[in-house]
């Protein structure tokens, strides 16, 4: 179905954007908790753990979340397998596993994509605060990611 192709593509682009934001980070910058609160590590792990949560809602299986202390190398190593499984699990499901008419496979995809966009913005700001190397403009990958999700919503009917 075209809409899901667009949402899958947007999810992939979102993950690529996230991974671009993690380039040229030291482990200290990854872990640096700004004001004792959010770190790049916490935001990135949170994005992936939200996907793990929704997979558990789909198949009702216990899942292992990424630990808050996940190193940058561990994150880089595990995140793509989790993203791929998330996309596959949602595509294989039907909507019967969700409680209420407002939760559909489409909703879960869009919700997670929006969640990724929000926290990528946070990670971008945190990069500046922890004095990470300035990256070449990430605007192209951000626009590409956002345009894909919006085109899937507005060209294919109501939400």
Foldseek 3Di string as FASTA:
>chain_A
DVLLVLLLVLLVLLVVLLVLLVPQDDQCQQPDAVVVHDGVLQLLLVLLQLLVVVLCLFPVDDDDGDDSSQTPVNCVVPRVVSSVVSSVSLVPGAQPSDPDPVDGSSVSSVVSSVSSLVSSVVSNVSCVVSVGDDDDDSVVSSCVSVVSNVCSDVVPDHD
